[in-house]
C-alpha atoms as a PDB file:
ATOM      1  CA  MET A   1      -7.932 -21.014   8.221  1.00  0.00           C
ATOM      2  CA  PRO A   2      -8.562 -17.406   7.276  1.00  0.00           C
ATOM      3  CA  PRO A   3      -9.422 -14.834  10.043  1.00  0.00           C
ATOM      4  CA  ALA A   4     -13.082 -14.523  11.076  1.00  0.00           C
ATOM      5  CA  ASP A   5     -13.466 -11.095   9.435  1.00  0.00           C
ATOM      6  CA  ILE A   6     -12.155 -12.509   6.076  1.00  0.00           C
ATOM      7  CA  ARG A   7     -14.624 -15.383   6.305  1.00  0.00           C
ATOM      8  CA  ASN A   8     -17.470 -12.867   7.068  1.00  0.00           C
ATOM      9  CA  LEU A   9     -16.349 -10.718   4.161  1.00  0.00           C
ATOM     10  CA  GLY A  10     -16.533 -13.786   1.902  1.00  0.00           C
ATOM     11  CA  ASP A  11     -19.996 -14.575   3.119  1.00  0.00           C
ATOM     12  CA  ASP A  12     -21.077 -10.915   2.425  1.00  0.00           C
ATOM     13  CA  LEU A  13     -19.643 -10.959  -1.039  1.00  0.00           C
ATOM     14  CA  ARG A  14     -21.317 -14.240  -1.866  1.00  0.00           C
ATOM     15  CA  ALA A  15     -24.592 -12.609  -1.069  1.00  0.00           C
ATOM     16  CA  TRP A  16     -23.675  -9.678  -3.234  1.00  0.00           C
ATOM     17  CA  SER A  17     -22.849 -12.042  -6.133  1.00  0.00           C
ATOM     18  CA  LEU A  18     -26.532 -13.044  -6.203  1.00  0.00           C
ATOM     19  CA  VAL A  19     -27.364  -9.561  -7.716  1.00  0.00           C
ATOM     20  CA  LEU A  20     -24.328  -9.320 -10.024  1.00  0.00           C
ATOM     21  CA  PRO A  21     -23.948 -10.501 -13.682  1.00  0.00           C
ATOM     22  CA  PRO A  22     -21.992 -13.684 -14.015  1.00  0.00           C
ATOM     23  CA  ALA A  23     -18.947 -12.076 -15.782  1.00  0.00           C
ATOM     24  CA  SER A  24     -18.450  -9.540 -12.963  1.00  0.00           C
ATOM     25  CA  ALA A  25     -15.609  -9.700 -10.395  1.00  0.00           C
ATOM     26  CA  PHE A  26     -14.793  -7.945  -7.141  1.00  0.00           C
ATOM     27  CA  THR A  27     -11.995  -5.481  -7.475  1.00  0.00           C
ATOM     28  CA  HIS A  28     -10.167  -2.473  -5.799  1.00  0.00           C
ATOM     29  CA  LEU A  29      -9.965  -2.621  -2.018  1.00  0.00           C
ATOM     30  CA  THR A  30     -12.618  -5.312  -1.920  1.00  0.00           C
ATOM     31  CA  ALA A  31     -10.428  -7.710  -3.818  1.00  0.00           C
ATOM     32  CA  ALA A  32      -7.290  -6.566  -2.005  1.00  0.00           C
ATOM     33  CA  GLU A  33      -8.711  -7.591   1.372  1.00  0.00           C
ATOM     34  CA  LEU A  34      -9.766 -10.968   0.049  1.00  0.00           C
ATOM     35  CA  TYR A  35      -6.230 -11.521  -1.404  1.00  0.00           C
ATOM     36  CA  GLY A  36      -4.922 -11.003   2.210  1.00  0.00           C
ATOM     37  CA  TRP A  37      -2.894  -7.831   1.390  1.00  0.00           C
ATOM     38  CA  TRP A  38      -1.817  -5.203   3.853  1.00  0.00           C
ATOM     39  CA  LEU A  39      -4.467  -2.458   3.479  1.00  0.00           C
ATOM     40  CA  PRO A  40      -4.143   1.329   3.674  1.00  0.00           C
ATOM     41  CA  SER A  41      -5.966   3.109   6.500  1.00  0.00           C
ATOM     42  CA  ALA A  42      -9.159   3.560   4.370  1.00  0.00           C
ATOM     43  CA  PRO A  43     -12.433   4.737   5.741  1.00  0.00           C
ATOM     44  CA  ARG A  44     -15.399   2.582   5.377  1.00  0.00           C
ATOM     45  CA  HIS A  45     -15.795   2.120   1.552  1.00  0.00           C
ATOM     46  CA  PRO A  46     -18.385   0.512  -0.875  1.00  0.00           C
ATOM     47  CA  VAL A  47     -18.062  -2.928  -2.308  1.00  0.00           C
ATOM     48  CA  PHE A  48     -16.128  -2.482  -5.529  1.00  0.00           C
ATOM     49  CA  VAL A  49     -17.167  -4.609  -8.553  1.00  0.00           C
ATOM     50  CA  ALA A  50     -15.668  -4.710 -12.103  1.00  0.00           C
ATOM     51  CA  MET A  51     -18.028  -5.554 -14.861  1.00  0.00           C
ATOM     52  CA  ARG A  52     -18.442  -5.144 -18.659  1.00  0.00           C
ATOM     53  CA  ARG A  53     -20.190  -2.058 -19.918  1.00  0.00           C
ATOM     54  CA  SER A  54     -22.533  -4.152 -21.934  1.00  0.00           C
ATOM     55  CA  ASP A  55     -23.819  -6.013 -18.772  1.00  0.00           C
ATOM     56  CA  PRO A  56     -26.904  -4.712 -16.945  1.00  0.00           C
ATOM     57  CA  ARG A  57     -25.707  -2.570 -14.086  1.00  0.00           C
ATOM     58  CA  PRO A  58     -27.157  -3.217 -10.617  1.00  0.00           C
ATOM     59  CA  ARG A  59     -27.934  -0.060  -8.648  1.00  0.00           C
ATOM     60  CA  ARG A  60     -27.678  -0.915  -4.966  1.00  0.00           C
ATOM     61  CA  PRO A  61     -26.510   1.306  -2.015  1.00  0.00           C
ATOM     62  CA  GLY A  62     -23.133   0.305  -0.902  1.00  0.00           C
ATOM     63  CA  LEU A  63     -22.069  -1.127  -4.351  1.00  0.00           C
ATOM     64  CA  LEU A  64     -19.840   0.790  -6.683  1.00  0.00           C
ATOM     65  CA  VAL A  65     -19.486  -0.618 -10.140  1.00  0.00           C
ATOM     66  CA  CYS A  66     -16.297  -0.115 -12.340  1.00  0.00           C
ATOM     67  CA  ARG A  67     -17.413  -0.448 -15.918  1.00  0.00           C
ATOM     68  CA  HIS A  68     -14.945  -1.889 -18.489  1.00  0.00           C
ATOM     69  CA  PRO A  69     -15.358  -1.459 -22.260  1.00  0.00           C
ATOM     70  CA  ARG A  70     -13.545  -4.792 -22.722  1.00  0.00           C
ATOM     71  CA  SER A  71     -13.166  -8.052 -20.879  1.00  0.00           C
ATOM     72  CA  PHE A  72     -10.747  -8.129 -17.986  1.00  0.00           C
ATOM     73  CA  GLY A  73      -8.661 -10.709 -16.232  1.00  0.00           C
ATOM     74  CA  PHE A  74      -9.944 -12.495 -13.096  1.00  0.00           C
ATOM     75  CA  THR A  75      -9.095 -15.261 -10.695  1.00  0.00           C
ATOM     76  CA  VAL A  76     -11.410 -17.322  -8.455  1.00  0.00           C
ATOM     77  CA  CYS A  77     -10.702 -17.239  -4.778  1.00  0.00           C
ATOM     78  CA  ASP A  78     -12.863 -19.286  -2.375  1.00  0.00           C
ATOM     79  CA  GLY A  79     -15.592 -19.349  -5.033  1.00  0.00           C
ATOM     80  CA  LEU A  80     -15.511 -15.620  -5.621  1.00  0.00           C
ATOM     81  CA  ARG A  81     -14.408 -13.952  -8.840  1.00  0.00           C
ATOM     82  CA  LEU A  82     -11.595 -11.337  -8.230  1.00  0.00           C
ATOM     83  CA  THR A  83      -9.860  -9.158 -10.782  1.00  0.00           C
ATOM     84  CA  THR A  84      -6.272 -10.142 -11.148  1.00  0.00           C
ATOM     85  CA  PRO A  85      -3.808  -8.644  -8.745  1.00  0.00           C
ATOM     86  CA  ALA A  86      -2.378  -6.174 -11.266  1.00  0.00           C
ATOM     87  CA  GLU A  87      -5.905  -5.117 -12.320  1.00  0.00           C
ATOM     88  CA  THR A  88      -6.936  -4.841  -8.613  1.00  0.00           C
ATOM     89  CA  ILE A  89      -4.019  -2.509  -7.922  1.00  0.00           C
ATOM     90  CA  LEU A  90      -4.639  -0.416 -11.014  1.00  0.00           C
ATOM     91  CA  ALA A  91      -8.325  -0.115  -9.988  1.00  0.00           C
ATOM     92  CA  ALA A  92      -7.264   1.093  -6.508  1.00  0.00           C
ATOM     93  CA  ALA A  93      -4.917   3.664  -8.061  1.00  0.00           C
ATOM     94  CA  ARG A  94      -7.947   5.700  -9.166  1.00  0.00           C
ATOM     95  CA  ASP A  95      -8.611   6.727  -5.570  1.00  0.00           C
ATOM     96  CA  LEU A  96      -5.635   6.096  -3.493  1.00  0.00           C
ATOM     97  CA  GLY A  97      -2.387   7.970  -2.933  1.00  0.00           C
ATOM     98  CA  VAL A  98       1.137   6.960  -3.442  1.00  0.00           C
ATOM     99  CA  LEU A  99       1.718   5.633   0.120  1.00  0.00           C
ATOM    100  CA  ASP A 100      -1.540   3.687  -0.015  1.00  0.00           C
ATOM    101  CA  LEU A 101      -0.655   2.107  -3.354  1.00  0.00           C
ATOM    102  CA  VAL A 102       2.869   1.260  -2.135  1.00  0.00           C
ATOM    103  CA  VAL A 103       1.432  -0.664   0.732  1.00  0.00           C
ATOM    104  CA  LEU A 104      -0.848  -2.683  -1.554  1.00  0.00           C
ATOM    105  CA  GLY A 105       1.908  -3.281  -4.135  1.00  0.00           C
ATOM    106  CA  ASP A 106       4.550  -4.347  -1.612  1.00  0.00           C
ATOM    107  CA  SER A 107       2.157  -6.859  -0.039  1.00  0.00           C
ATOM    108  CA  ALA A 108       1.145  -8.318  -3.320  1.00  0.00           C
ATOM    109  CA  LEU A 109       4.715  -8.673  -4.384  1.00  0.00           C
ATOM    110  CA  ARG A 110       5.755 -10.152  -1.033  1.00  0.00           C
ATOM    111  CA  LEU A 111       3.044 -12.874  -1.452  1.00  0.00           C
ATOM    112  CA  ASP A 112       4.238 -13.571  -5.047  1.00  0.00           C
ATOM    113  CA  GLN A 113       0.716 -12.747  -6.308  1.00  0.00           C
ATOM    114  CA  VAL A 114       1.959 -10.214  -8.849  1.00  0.00           C
ATOM    115  CA  THR A 115       5.204  -9.316 -10.532  1.00  0.00           C
ATOM    116  CA  LEU A 116       6.620  -5.927 -11.454  1.00  0.00           C
ATOM    117  CA  THR A 117       6.229  -6.799 -15.121  1.00  0.00           C
ATOM    118  CA  GLU A 118       2.511  -7.430 -14.697  1.00  0.00           C
ATOM    119  CA  LEU A 119       2.209  -4.160 -12.956  1.00  0.00           C
ATOM    120  CA  GLN A 120       4.029  -2.409 -15.640  1.00  0.00           C
ATOM    121  CA  ILE A 121       1.765  -3.883 -18.296  1.00  0.00           C
ATOM    122  CA  ALA A 122      -1.230  -2.720 -16.346  1.00  0.00           C
ATOM    123  CA  ALA A 123       0.245   0.805 -15.953  1.00  0.00           C
ATOM    124  CA  ASP A 124       0.989   1.139 -19.615  1.00  0.00           C
ATOM    125  CA  ARG A 125      -2.852   1.014 -20.352  1.00  0.00           C
ATOM    126  CA  ARG A 126      -4.821   4.219 -21.065  1.00  0.00           C
ATOM    127  CA  ARG A 127      -6.765   3.929 -17.907  1.00  0.00           C
ATOM    128  CA  ARG A 128      -7.628   6.027 -14.855  1.00  0.00           C
ATOM    129  CA  GLY A 129      -5.098   5.309 -12.248  1.00  0.00           C
ATOM    130  CA  ALA A 130      -2.360   4.296 -14.690  1.00  0.00           C
ATOM    131  CA  PRO A 131      -0.241   7.502 -14.268  1.00  0.00           C
ATOM    132  CA  LEU A 132      -0.162   7.044 -10.449  1.00  0.00           C
ATOM    133  CA  LEU A 133       0.714   3.338 -10.873  1.00  0.00           C
ATOM    134  CA  ARG A 134       3.626   4.260 -13.192  1.00  0.00           C
ATOM    135  CA  GLN A 135       4.916   6.692 -10.417  1.00  0.00           C
ATOM    136  CA  VAL A 136       4.590   4.026  -7.782  1.00  0.00           C
ATOM    137  CA  ILE A 137       6.184   1.048  -9.502  1.00  0.00           C
ATOM    138  CA  PRO A 138       9.864   2.241  -8.847  1.00  0.00           C
ATOM    139  CA  LEU A 139       9.049   2.687  -5.175  1.00  0.00           C
ATOM    140  CA  LEU A 140       7.889  -0.921  -4.588  1.00  0.00           C
ATOM    141  CA  ASP A 141      10.009  -3.591  -2.822  1.00  0.00           C
ATOM    142  CA  LYS A 142       8.888  -7.134  -2.145  1.00  0.00           C
ATOM    143  CA  ARG A 143      11.368  -7.279   0.864  1.00  0.00           C
ATOM    144  CA  SER A 144       9.178  -5.249   3.053  1.00  0.00           C
ATOM    145  CA  GLU A 145       7.925  -7.125   6.056  1.00  0.00           C
ATOM    146  CA  SER A 146       5.077  -4.714   7.080  1.00  0.00           C
ATOM    147  CA  ALA A 147       2.933  -1.952   5.861  1.00  0.00           C
ATOM    148  CA  TRP A 148       4.608   0.546   8.133  1.00  0.00           C
ATOM    149  CA  GLU A 149       8.030  -0.616   6.989  1.00  0.00           C
ATOM    150  CA  SER A 150       6.920   0.098   3.472  1.00  0.00           C
ATOM    151  CA  ILE A 151       5.775   3.611   4.582  1.00  0.00           C
ATOM    152  CA  MET A 152       9.117   4.219   6.366  1.00  0.00           C
ATOM    153  CA  ARG A 153      11.041   3.279   3.176  1.00  0.00           C
ATOM    154  CA  VAL A 154       9.089   5.789   1.135  1.00  0.00           C
ATOM    155  CA  LEU A 155       9.698   8.501   3.801  1.00  0.00           C
ATOM    156  CA  GLN A 156      13.452   7.952   3.620  1.00  0.00           C
ATOM    157  CA  ARG A 157      13.274   8.042  -0.204  1.00  0.00           C
ATOM    158  CA  ALA A 158      11.249  11.221  -0.183  1.00  0.00           C
ATOM    159  CA  ALA A 159      13.800  12.798   2.165  1.00  0.00           C
ATOM    160  CA  GLU A 160      16.745  11.571   0.079  1.00  0.00           C
ATOM    161  CA  ILE A 161      18.103   9.393   2.917  1.00  0.00           C
ATOM    162  CA  PRO A 162      20.134   6.586   1.216  1.00  0.00           C
ATOM    163  CA  VAL A 163      19.191   3.247   2.731  1.00  0.00           C
ATOM    164  CA  GLU A 164      19.654  -0.456   2.044  1.00  0.00           C
ATOM    165  CA  PRO A 165      16.509  -2.491   3.151  1.00  0.00           C
ATOM    166  CA  GLN A 166      16.773  -5.724   5.018  1.00  0.00           C
ATOM    167  CA  TYR A 167      20.475  -5.313   5.739  1.00  0.00           C
ATOM    168  CA  PRO A 168      22.301  -8.289   7.272  1.00  0.00           C
ATOM    169  CA  VAL A 169      24.555  -7.396  10.182  1.00  0.00           C
ATOM    170  CA  HIS A 170      27.449  -9.605  11.093  1.00  0.00           C
ATOM    171  CA  THR A 171      30.143  -9.622  13.721  1.00  0.00           C
ATOM    172  CA  ALA A 172      33.800  -8.913  12.582  1.00  0.00           C
ATOM    173  CA  ASP A 173      34.367 -12.678  12.475  1.00  0.00           C
ATOM    174  CA  GLY A 174      31.309 -13.202  10.269  1.00  0.00           C
ATOM    175  CA  ARG A 175      28.728 -14.369  12.807  1.00  0.00           C
ATOM    176  CA  PHE A 176      25.161 -13.167  11.891  1.00  0.00           C
ATOM    177  CA  ILE A 177      23.626 -10.821  14.479  1.00  0.00           C
ATOM    178  CA  ALA A 178      20.411  -9.432  12.882  1.00  0.00           C
ATOM    179  CA  ARG A 179      18.741  -8.420   9.839  1.00  0.00           C
ATOM    180  CA  ALA A 180      17.958  -4.625  10.057  1.00  0.00           C
ATOM    181  CA  ASP A 181      14.975  -2.924   8.347  1.00  0.00           C
ATOM    182  CA  PHE A 182      17.305  -0.313   6.881  1.00  0.00           C
ATOM    183  CA  ARG A 183      20.895   0.603   6.922  1.00  0.00           C
ATOM    184  CA  VAL A 184      21.827   4.263   6.124  1.00  0.00           C
ATOM    185  CA  LEU A 185      24.374   3.774   3.334  1.00  0.00           C
ATOM    186  CA  GLY A 186      27.949   4.740   4.213  1.00  0.00           C
ATOM    187  CA  THR A 187      27.253   4.770   7.949  1.00  0.00           C
ATOM    188  CA  ARG A 188      26.833   2.332  10.844  1.00  0.00           C
ATOM    189  CA  ARG A 189      23.311   3.554  11.622  1.00  0.00           C
ATOM    190  CA  LEU A 190      20.291   1.360  11.384  1.00  0.00           C
ATOM    191  CA  HIS A 191      16.745   2.505  11.002  1.00  0.00           C
ATOM    192  CA  GLU A 192      13.906   0.210  12.064  1.00  0.00           C
ATOM    193  CA  TYR A 193      10.157   0.279  12.491  1.00  0.00           C
ATOM    194  CA  ASP A 194       9.024  -0.866  15.916  1.00  0.00           C
ATOM    195  CA  GLY A 195       5.449  -2.040  15.881  1.00  0.00           C
ATOM    196  CA  ALA A 196       3.213  -2.950  18.805  1.00  0.00           C
ATOM    197  CA  ASP A 197       4.398  -6.549  18.799  1.00  0.00           C
ATOM    198  CA  HIS A 198       7.808  -5.385  20.025  1.00  0.00           C
ATOM    199  CA  ARG A 199       6.205  -4.448  23.382  1.00  0.00           C
ATOM    200  CA  ARG A 200       5.422  -8.052  24.226  1.00  0.00           C
ATOM    201  CA  ALA A 201       7.672  -9.345  26.964  1.00  0.00           C
ATOM    202  CA  GLU A 202       8.926 -12.323  25.087  1.00  0.00           C
ATOM    203  CA  VAL A 203       9.743 -10.174  22.047  1.00  0.00           C
ATOM    204  CA  GLN A 204      11.224  -7.328  23.994  1.00  0.00           C
ATOM    205  CA  ASP A 205      13.697  -9.634  25.717  1.00  0.00           C
ATOM    206  CA  GLY A 206      15.077 -10.788  22.382  1.00  0.00           C
ATOM    207  CA  ASP A 207      15.077  -7.259  21.097  1.00  0.00           C
ATOM    208  CA  LEU A 208      17.219  -6.102  23.963  1.00  0.00           C
ATOM    209  CA  ARG A 209      19.776  -8.849  23.539  1.00  0.00           C
ATOM    210  CA  ARG A 210      19.878  -8.015  19.822  1.00  0.00           C
ATOM    211  CA  ASP A 211      20.405  -4.337  20.646  1.00  0.00           C
ATOM    212  CA  ARG A 212      23.276  -5.111  22.904  1.00  0.00           C
ATOM    213  CA  SER A 213      24.909  -7.178  20.331  1.00  0.00           C
ATOM    214  CA  LEU A 214      24.604  -4.407  17.740  1.00  0.00           C
ATOM    215  CA  LEU A 215      26.135  -1.873  20.161  1.00  0.00           C
ATOM    216  CA  THR A 216      28.951  -4.084  20.945  1.00  0.00           C
ATOM    217  CA  GLU A 217      29.817  -4.381  17.170  1.00  0.00           C
ATOM    218  CA  GLY A 218      29.581  -0.529  16.833  1.00  0.00           C
ATOM    219  CA  TRP A 219      26.094  -0.220  15.160  1.00  0.00           C
ATOM    220  CA  GLN A 220      23.567   2.501  16.211  1.00  0.00           C
ATOM    221  CA  ARG A 221      19.975   1.368  16.073  1.00  0.00           C
ATOM    222  CA  TYR A 222      17.279   4.078  15.747  1.00  0.00           C
ATOM    223  CA  GLY A 223      13.850   2.574  16.260  1.00  0.00           C
ATOM    224  CA  TYR A 224      10.680   4.470  15.156  1.00  0.00           C
ATOM    225  CA  THR A 225       6.954   3.981  15.571  1.00  0.00           C
ATOM    226  CA  SER A 226       3.980   5.045  13.449  1.00  0.00           C
ATOM    227  CA  ARG A 227       3.636   8.237  15.538  1.00  0.00           C
ATOM    228  CA  HIS A 228       7.148   9.232  14.668  1.00  0.00           C
ATOM    229  CA  LEU A 229       6.575   8.579  10.871  1.00  0.00           C
ATOM    230  CA  LEU A 230       3.297  10.501  10.934  1.00  0.00           C
ATOM    231  CA  ASN A 231       4.123  13.423  13.269  1.00  0.00           C
ATOM    232  CA  GLU A 232       7.881  13.692  13.831  1.00  0.00           C
ATOM    233  CA  ALA A 233       9.394  13.209  10.338  1.00  0.00           C
ATOM    234  CA  ALA A 234      11.252  16.539  10.704  1.00  0.00           C
ATOM    235  CA  SER A 235      13.211  15.093  13.554  1.00  0.00           C
ATOM    236  CA  ILE A 236      13.968  11.843  11.633  1.00  0.00           C
ATOM    237  CA  ILE A 237      15.194  13.933   8.578  1.00  0.00           C
ATOM    238  CA  ARG A 238      17.178  16.290  10.722  1.00  0.00           C
ATOM    239  CA  LYS A 239      19.064  13.451  12.460  1.00  0.00           C
ATOM    240  CA  ALA A 240      19.883  11.916   9.125  1.00  0.00           C
ATOM    241  CA  ASP A 241      21.084  15.190   7.832  1.00  0.00           C
ATOM    242  CA  GLN A 242      23.424  15.535  10.781  1.00  0.00           C
ATOM    243  CA  LEU A 243      24.735  11.926  10.221  1.00  0.00           C
ATOM    244  CA  LEU A 244      25.222  12.535   6.524  1.00  0.00           C
ATOM    245  CA  GLY A 245      26.914  15.954   7.064  1.00  0.00           C
ATOM    246  CA  ARG A 246      24.457  17.921   4.975  1.00  0.00           C
ATOM    247  CA  GLN A 247      22.393  21.053   5.504  1.00  0.00           C
ATOM    248  CA  TRP A 248      18.724  21.007   6.392  1.00  0.00           C
ATOM    249  CA  ASP A 249      16.473  21.422   3.265  1.00  0.00           C
ATOM    250  CA  ALA A 250      12.813  21.998   4.062  1.00  0.00           C
ATOM    251  CA  ALA A 251      11.965  20.621   0.578  1.00  0.00           C
ATOM    252  CA  ARG A 252      12.709  17.107   1.927  1.00  0.00           C
ATOM    253  CA  LEU A 253      10.089  17.412   4.676  1.00  0.00           C
ATOM    254  CA  CYS A 254       7.589  18.976   2.287  1.00  0.00           C
ATOM    255  CA  ALA A 255       7.931  16.051  -0.157  1.00  0.00           C
ATOM    256  CA  TRP A 256       7.057  13.661   2.674  1.00  0.00           C
ATOM    257  CA  GLU A 257       4.186  15.831   3.992  1.00  0.00           C
ATOM    258  CA  ASP A 258       2.722  15.983   0.475  1.00  0.00           C
ATOM    259  CA  LEU A 259       2.770  12.182   0.339  1.00  0.00           C
ATOM    260  CA  LEU A 260       1.081  11.954   3.722  1.00  0.00           C
ATOM    261  CA  ASN A 261      -1.576  14.526   2.799  1.00  0.00           C
ATOM    262  CA  THR A 262      -2.658  12.640  -0.369  1.00  0.00           C
ATOM    263  CA  SER A 263      -2.751   9.287   1.363  1.00  0.00           C
ATOM    264  CA  MET A 264      -5.375   7.624   3.630  1.00  0.00           C
ATOM    265  CA  LEU A 265      -3.203   8.434   6.616  1.00  0.00           C
ATOM    266  CA  ARG A 266      -4.314  12.051   6.665  1.00  0.00           C
ATOM    267  CA  ARG A 267      -7.796  13.674   6.467  1.00  0.00           C
ATOM    268  CA  PRO A 268      -7.327  15.332   3.055  1.00  0.00           C
ATOM    269  CA  GLY A 269      -6.553  12.063   1.409  1.00  0.00           C
ATOM    270  CA  ARG A 270      -9.366  10.227   3.074  1.00  0.00           C
ATOM    271  CA  SER A 271     -11.780  13.146   2.208  1.00  0.00           C
ATOM    272  CA  ARG A 272     -10.810  13.064  -1.406  1.00  0.00           C
ATOM    273  CA  ALA A 273     -11.478   9.378  -1.827  1.00  0.00           C
ATOM    274  CA  LEU A 274     -14.785   9.556   0.060  1.00  0.00           C
ATOM    275  CA  ASP A 275     -15.943  12.423  -2.016  1.00  0.00           C
ATOM    276  CA  HIS A 276     -14.966  10.545  -5.167  1.00  0.00           C
ATOM    277  CA  TRP A 277     -16.923   7.467  -4.096  1.00  0.00           C
ATOM    278  CA  ARG A 278     -19.975   9.498  -3.103  1.00  0.00           C
ATOM    279  CA  ARG A 279     -20.029  11.320  -6.423  1.00  0.00           C
ATOM    280  CA  ALA A 280     -19.537   8.051  -8.297  1.00  0.00           C
ATOM    281  CA  GLN A 281     -22.472   6.374  -6.435  1.00  0.00           C
ATOM    282  CA  VAL A 282     -24.796   9.312  -6.943  1.00  0.00           C
ATOM    283  CA  GLU A 283     -23.958   9.064 -10.664  1.00  0.00           C
ATOM    284  CA  GLN A 284     -24.529   5.359 -10.717  1.00  0.00           C
ATOM    285  CA  GLU A 285     -27.777   5.494  -8.908  1.00  0.00           C
ATOM    286  CA  SER A 286     -29.096   8.294 -11.090  1.00  0.00           C
ATOM    287  CA  GLY A 287     -28.421   6.088 -14.142  1.00  0.00           C
ATOM    288  CA  GLN A 288     -25.837   8.228 -15.828  1.00  0.00           C
ATOM    289  CA  PRO A 289     -24.466   6.262 -18.817  1.00  0.00           C
ATOM    290  CA  GLU A 290     -20.784   6.278 -17.924  1.00  0.00           C
ATOM    291  CA  GLY A 291     -20.633   6.371 -14.168  1.00  0.00           C
ATOM    292  CA  TYR A 292     -17.400   4.924 -12.599  1.00  0.00           C
ATOM    293  CA  THR A 293     -15.641   3.808 -15.702  1.00  0.00           C
ATOM    294  CA  THR A 294     -12.094   2.658 -16.287  1.00  0.00           C
ATOM    295  CA  LEU A 295     -11.487   4.976 -19.225  1.00  0.00           C
ATOM    296  CA  GLN A 296      -8.586   7.380 -19.056  1.00  0.00           C
ATOM    297  CA  THR A 297      -9.547  10.952 -19.787  1.00  0.00           C
ATOM    298  CA  ALA A 298      -6.145  12.497 -19.210  1.00  0.00           C
ATOM    299  CA  PRO A 299      -3.286  12.299 -21.666  1.00  0.00           C
ATOM    300  CA  HIS A 300      -1.200   9.036 -21.433  1.00  0.00           C
END
């Protein structure tokens, strides 16, 4: 049974469907939520709908219409039409940052709702959002087990920390100990994301036993929280530099900070998306002919 908030969203969208053309479909973050994906830390956003340009366009507060010059793929979920997962991610790429899109893409891949080939086909279209999607595809990994693990993986890539995700750790005689979030290649250091669930007593007891086994076998486990990733990346990168025997390079930290600032995790990224949505809704409600279209205006 889906969570109560998903059921309520479905009820809300069924009500919205009453004022939409039959060929329309929910898209962008609205569809992503119904698909059950991990979501970026987005502020309150409109209901996103895809529809053909030839269909009459409803003008309602809280509704943002993405107009397509041609038909688009869709699926039906619990009686609601949603754009296909690849189209949904491409639609979201118009407004989100790299980190946000990685979270969506990893989740969709993990659930086997989309393939990298389908995403590549979507990214090859002459569409708004396509250039960002092409940039994000090489960063995706269906092995990710949480949104923050995905974010941590991108931090390490931006900082040029070579890691292997979901690394199986065994004893010298081959007994399995643990599957670590990341192993720093060429070392015996493990990097892991520790979410709030690790604070529960029953989980913490198992974690401590696991940590003792890792220490016995000569592994170093470094656990990090979301606060570390957002506010203490310099320390993470510096410790990795010391481990790898390389000099500090501020460009590695700058690369990560740039990704944060263009994402929903920081105010500049949230403000950019909100401004875009507000402008699009004003244009839509004023009856401008194009409004929030899918057409790509920048060179492919």
